[in-house]
Amino acid sequence: MMKIISTIFIVTVLSGCSLFPKPTKQVEVVTIQEEAPMYHPPLPIEMQMTRVEFEVLTPEIMQEYLQLVESGNAPPRPYYALTSQQYENLAMNMAEVRRYTMNILQIIKFYRDYDKSDDDKDTGQQ
């Protein structure tokens, strides 16, 4: 008798609730198509330019400097020389950096405005 009860118990435990099936609910799948929001990274910190002072060495100023060098009283700073063409190249390079930066900022502004207009269309505002 104990074997029969233990067998019934084991069969009931192993079969779980499958002996009393419940009706399953139908699952409804709904697909919603949404575009992922556009990521707008923060703009980098503005350029912090330091002041640059130029000193033009004329023959008179250069003569005074050479006299200070001979007497040992010359200021301890190096001088860099640029030809007119090299100075013009430096100015053109800085203008190119400015142009490139302005173009990049315009592209960022375009995409931010474009994303805002998409948001307005989605919400029905204009």
Protein backbone atom coordinates (compact mmCIF):
# COMPACT_ATOMS: atom_id res chain seq x y z
CA MET A 1 0.00 0.00 0.00
CA MET A 2 2.83 2.36 0.84
CA LYS A 3 4.41 1.63 -2.53
CA ILE A 4 1.24 2.60 -4.36
CA ILE A 5 0.88 5.86 -2.44
CA SER A 6 4.54 6.78 -2.95
CA THR A 7 4.29 5.89 -6.67
CA ILE A 8 1.21 8.09 -7.09
CA PHE A 9 2.93 10.87 -5.19
CA ILE A 10 6.09 10.64 -7.34
CA VAL A 11 4.07 10.55 -10.58
CA THR A 12 2.05 13.59 -9.44
CA VAL A 13 5.18 15.55 -8.47
CA LEU A 14 6.99 14.68 -11.70
CA SER A 15 4.06 15.47 -13.94
CA GLY A 16 3.41 18.75 -12.13
CA CYS A 17 0.26 20.52 -13.21
CA SER A 18 0.20 18.85 -16.61
CA LEU A 19 -2.58 16.58 -15.45
CA PHE A 20 -4.86 19.62 -15.13
CA PRO A 21 -4.19 21.71 -18.25
CA LYS A 22 -5.17 25.39 -18.24
CA PRO A 23 -6.16 27.16 -21.43
CA THR A 24 -3.27 29.26 -22.80
CA LYS A 25 -3.73 32.89 -23.69
CA GLN A 26 -3.00 34.04 -27.19
CA VAL A 27 -0.03 36.42 -27.36
CA GLU A 28 -0.48 39.44 -29.57
CA VAL A 29 2.71 40.83 -31.09
CA VAL A 30 2.65 44.50 -32.04
CA THR A 31 5.55 46.05 -33.93
CA ILE A 32 6.12 49.75 -33.46
CA GLN A 33 8.61 51.32 -35.81
CA GLU A 34 10.44 54.27 -34.30
CA GLU A 35 13.69 55.88 -35.28
CA ALA A 36 16.33 55.95 -32.60
CA PRO A 37 16.85 59.43 -31.21
CA MET A 38 19.86 61.22 -32.64
CA TYR A 39 22.72 61.58 -30.17
CA HIS A 40 23.97 65.13 -29.76
CA PRO A 41 27.34 65.10 -28.04
CA PRO A 42 28.21 68.23 -26.14
CA LEU A 43 30.33 70.74 -28.00
CA PRO A 44 33.97 70.87 -26.98
CA ILE A 45 35.19 73.71 -24.82
CA GLU A 46 35.82 76.82 -26.85
CA MET A 47 39.40 77.46 -27.87
CA GLN A 48 41.34 79.41 -25.27
CA MET A 49 43.95 81.27 -27.24
CA THR A 50 46.86 82.87 -25.43
CA ARG A 51 48.17 86.22 -26.44
CA VAL A 52 51.17 86.21 -28.76
CA GLU A 53 53.33 89.28 -28.99
CA PHE A 54 55.45 89.85 -32.03
CA GLU A 55 58.61 91.93 -31.97
CA VAL A 56 59.91 93.11 -35.29
CA LEU A 57 63.70 93.15 -35.38
CA THR A 58 64.86 96.02 -37.51
CA PRO A 59 68.57 96.50 -38.20
CA GLU A 60 68.73 99.18 -35.46
CA ILE A 61 67.03 96.95 -32.85
CA MET A 62 69.23 94.02 -33.92
CA GLN A 63 72.36 96.18 -33.50
CA GLU A 64 71.27 97.11 -29.96
CA TYR A 65 70.63 93.43 -29.19
CA LEU A 66 74.08 92.41 -30.47
CA GLN A 67 75.68 95.09 -28.28
CA LEU A 68 73.79 93.66 -25.27
CA VAL A 69 74.98 90.15 -26.19
CA GLU A 70 78.62 91.34 -26.37
CA SER A 71 78.34 93.05 -22.97
CA GLY A 72 76.57 90.01 -21.46
CA ASN A 73 73.33 91.86 -20.64
CA ALA A 74 71.12 90.37 -23.36
CA PRO A 75 67.69 89.08 -22.28
CA PRO A 76 67.56 85.25 -22.17
CA ARG A 77 64.99 84.71 -24.89
CA PRO A 78 65.30 83.18 -28.33
CA TYR A 79 64.21 84.92 -31.48
CA TYR A 80 62.50 83.15 -34.33
CA ALA A 81 62.59 84.59 -37.77
CA LEU A 82 59.96 84.33 -40.48
CA THR A 83 60.18 85.57 -43.99
CA SER A 84 57.25 87.50 -45.39
CA GLN A 85 56.14 84.38 -47.25
CA GLN A 86 56.36 82.23 -44.10
CA TYR A 87 54.35 84.80 -42.12
CA GLU A 88 51.74 84.81 -44.89
CA ASN A 89 51.64 80.99 -44.78
CA LEU A 90 51.12 81.12 -41.00
CA ALA A 91 48.24 83.57 -41.44
CA MET A 92 46.69 81.39 -44.17
CA ASN A 93 46.96 78.30 -41.95
CA MET A 94 45.18 80.09 -39.11
CA ALA A 95 42.47 81.21 -41.52
CA GLU A 96 42.11 77.60 -42.67
CA VAL A 97 41.72 76.42 -39.06
CA ARG A 98 39.01 79.06 -38.54
CA ARG A 99 37.22 78.06 -41.76
CA TYR A 100 37.29 74.38 -40.84
CA THR A 101 35.99 75.07 -37.33
CA MET A 102 33.15 77.22 -38.66
CA ASN A 103 32.18 74.50 -41.17
CA ILE A 104 32.12 71.82 -38.49
CA LEU A 105 29.94 74.00 -36.25
CA GLN A 106 27.53 74.62 -39.15
CA ILE A 107 27.25 70.86 -39.78
CA ILE A 108 26.50 70.25 -36.09
CA LYS A 109 23.89 73.03 -36.14
CA PHE A 110 22.27 71.53 -39.25
CA TYR A 111 21.88 68.09 -37.68
CA ARG A 112 20.58 69.52 -34.40
CA ASP A 113 17.99 71.60 -36.26
CA TYR A 114 17.11 68.61 -38.45
CA ASP A 115 16.52 66.44 -35.38
CA LYS A 116 14.36 69.16 -33.80
CA SER A 117 12.21 69.39 -36.95
CA ASP A 118 11.75 65.59 -36.87
CA ASP A 119 10.62 65.83 -33.24
CA ASP A 120 8.12 68.56 -34.18
CA LYS A 121 6.69 66.39 -36.98
CA ASP A 122 6.35 63.41 -34.63
CA THR A 123 4.43 65.43 -32.06
CA GLY A 124 2.36 67.27 -34.67
CA GLN A 125 3.79 70.69 -33.85
CA GLN A 126 5.39 73.06 -36.27
